[in-house]
Amino acid sequence: MHVAPAGGTAVQDHVALAEIELCGELIIAASAAHEERLSLVRIDEVLKVAEEREAAAGR
């Protein structure tokens, strides 16, 4: 078992934190949709897929 050292020097995994944030956004969107399923288009909107594609194309 690995225990983080005392003193608050825990290393943050930025990729994992970003994934957790995206999951949270999906949960919020699903909750707002009530009984309906999220469409693939809505999921892409929540995850900002188009914005990421545009940013990647501009690199």
C-alpha atoms as a PDB file:
ATOM      1  CA  MET A   1       0.000   0.000   0.000  1.00  0.00           C
ATOM      2  CA  HIS A   2       1.339   3.436  -1.000  1.00  0.00           C
ATOM      3  CA  VAL A   3       0.664   6.393   1.259  1.00  0.00           C
ATOM      4  CA  ALA A   4       1.223  10.009   0.213  1.00  0.00           C
ATOM      5  CA  PRO A   5       3.906  11.705   2.247  1.00  0.00           C
ATOM      6  CA  ALA A   6       2.799  13.924   5.092  1.00  0.00           C
ATOM      7  CA  GLY A   7       3.211  17.586   4.350  1.00  0.00           C
ATOM      8  CA  GLY A   8       0.812  18.065   1.444  1.00  0.00           C
ATOM      9  CA  THR A   9       3.217  17.394  -1.420  1.00  0.00           C
ATOM     10  CA  ALA A  10       0.837  15.174  -3.385  1.00  0.00           C
ATOM     11  CA  VAL A  11       1.473  15.165  -7.126  1.00  0.00           C
ATOM     12  CA  GLN A  12      -1.498  16.101  -9.288  1.00  0.00           C
ATOM     13  CA  ASP A  13      -2.253  14.242 -12.485  1.00  0.00           C
ATOM     14  CA  HIS A  14      -3.590  16.980 -14.770  1.00  0.00           C
ATOM     15  CA  VAL A  15      -4.960  14.526 -17.333  1.00  0.00           C
ATOM     16  CA  ALA A  16      -6.915  12.672 -14.656  1.00  0.00           C
ATOM     17  CA  LEU A  17      -8.253  15.944 -13.263  1.00  0.00           C
ATOM     18  CA  ALA A  18      -9.399  17.013 -16.734  1.00  0.00           C
ATOM     19  CA  GLU A  19     -11.155  13.668 -17.242  1.00  0.00           C
ATOM     20  CA  ILE A  20     -12.913  14.009 -13.892  1.00  0.00           C
ATOM     21  CA  GLU A  21     -14.065  17.500 -14.857  1.00  0.00           C
ATOM     22  CA  LEU A  22     -15.452  16.223 -18.180  1.00  0.00           C
ATOM     23  CA  CYS A  23     -17.277  13.397 -16.414  1.00  0.00           C
ATOM     24  CA  GLY A  24     -18.798  15.944 -14.071  1.00  0.00           C
ATOM     25  CA  GLU A  25     -19.981  18.034 -17.011  1.00  0.00           C
ATOM     26  CA  LEU A  26     -21.612  14.957 -18.557  1.00  0.00           C
ATOM     27  CA  ILE A  27     -23.337  14.106 -15.278  1.00  0.00           C
ATOM     28  CA  ILE A  28     -24.709  17.637 -15.005  1.00  0.00           C
ATOM     29  CA  ALA A  29     -25.958  17.546 -18.610  1.00  0.00           C
ATOM     30  CA  ALA A  30     -27.555  14.133 -18.086  1.00  0.00           C
ATOM     31  CA  SER A  31     -29.265  15.353 -14.923  1.00  0.00           C
ATOM     32  CA  ALA A  32     -30.635  18.384 -16.744  1.00  0.00           C
ATOM     33  CA  ALA A  33     -32.020  16.152 -19.495  1.00  0.00           C
ATOM     34  CA  HIS A  34     -34.241  14.414 -16.910  1.00  0.00           C
ATOM     35  CA  GLU A  35     -35.657  11.241 -18.443  1.00  0.00           C
ATOM     36  CA  GLU A  36     -34.224  11.764 -21.928  1.00  0.00           C
ATOM     37  CA  ARG A  37     -30.953  10.295 -23.140  1.00  0.00           C
ATOM     38  CA  LEU A  38     -28.267  12.677 -24.272  1.00  0.00           C
ATOM     39  CA  SER A  39     -27.837  12.663 -28.020  1.00  0.00           C
ATOM     40  CA  LEU A  40     -24.387  12.188 -29.486  1.00  0.00           C
ATOM     41  CA  VAL A  41     -24.522  15.797 -30.658  1.00  0.00           C
ATOM     42  CA  ARG A  42     -25.287  17.013 -27.127  1.00  0.00           C
ATOM     43  CA  ILE A  43     -22.491  14.874 -25.682  1.00  0.00           C
ATOM     44  CA  ASP A  44     -20.073  16.407 -28.199  1.00  0.00           C
ATOM     45  CA  GLU A  45     -21.289  19.880 -27.180  1.00  0.00           C
ATOM     46  CA  VAL A  46     -20.750  19.146 -23.484  1.00  0.00           C
ATOM     47  CA  LEU A  47     -17.288  17.736 -24.132  1.00  0.00           C
ATOM     48  CA  LYS A  48     -16.468  20.644 -26.481  1.00  0.00           C
ATOM     49  CA  VAL A  49     -15.354  18.246 -29.222  1.00  0.00           C
ATOM     50  CA  ALA A  50     -15.697  20.818 -32.033  1.00  0.00           C
ATOM     51  CA  GLU A  51     -13.636  23.369 -30.105  1.00  0.00           C
ATOM     52  CA  GLU A  52     -10.887  20.813 -29.483  1.00  0.00           C
ATOM     53  CA  ARG A  53     -10.823  19.836 -33.164  1.00  0.00           C
ATOM     54  CA  GLU A  54     -10.538  23.482 -34.205  1.00  0.00           C
ATOM     55  CA  ALA A  55      -7.731  24.058 -31.707  1.00  0.00           C
ATOM     56  CA  ALA A  56      -5.896  20.956 -32.927  1.00  0.00           C
ATOM     57  CA  ALA A  57      -6.260  22.061 -36.552  1.00  0.00           C
ATOM     58  CA  GLY A  58      -4.804  25.464 -35.731  1.00  0.00           C
ATOM     59  CA  ARG A  59      -1.664  24.013 -34.170  1.00  0.00           C
END
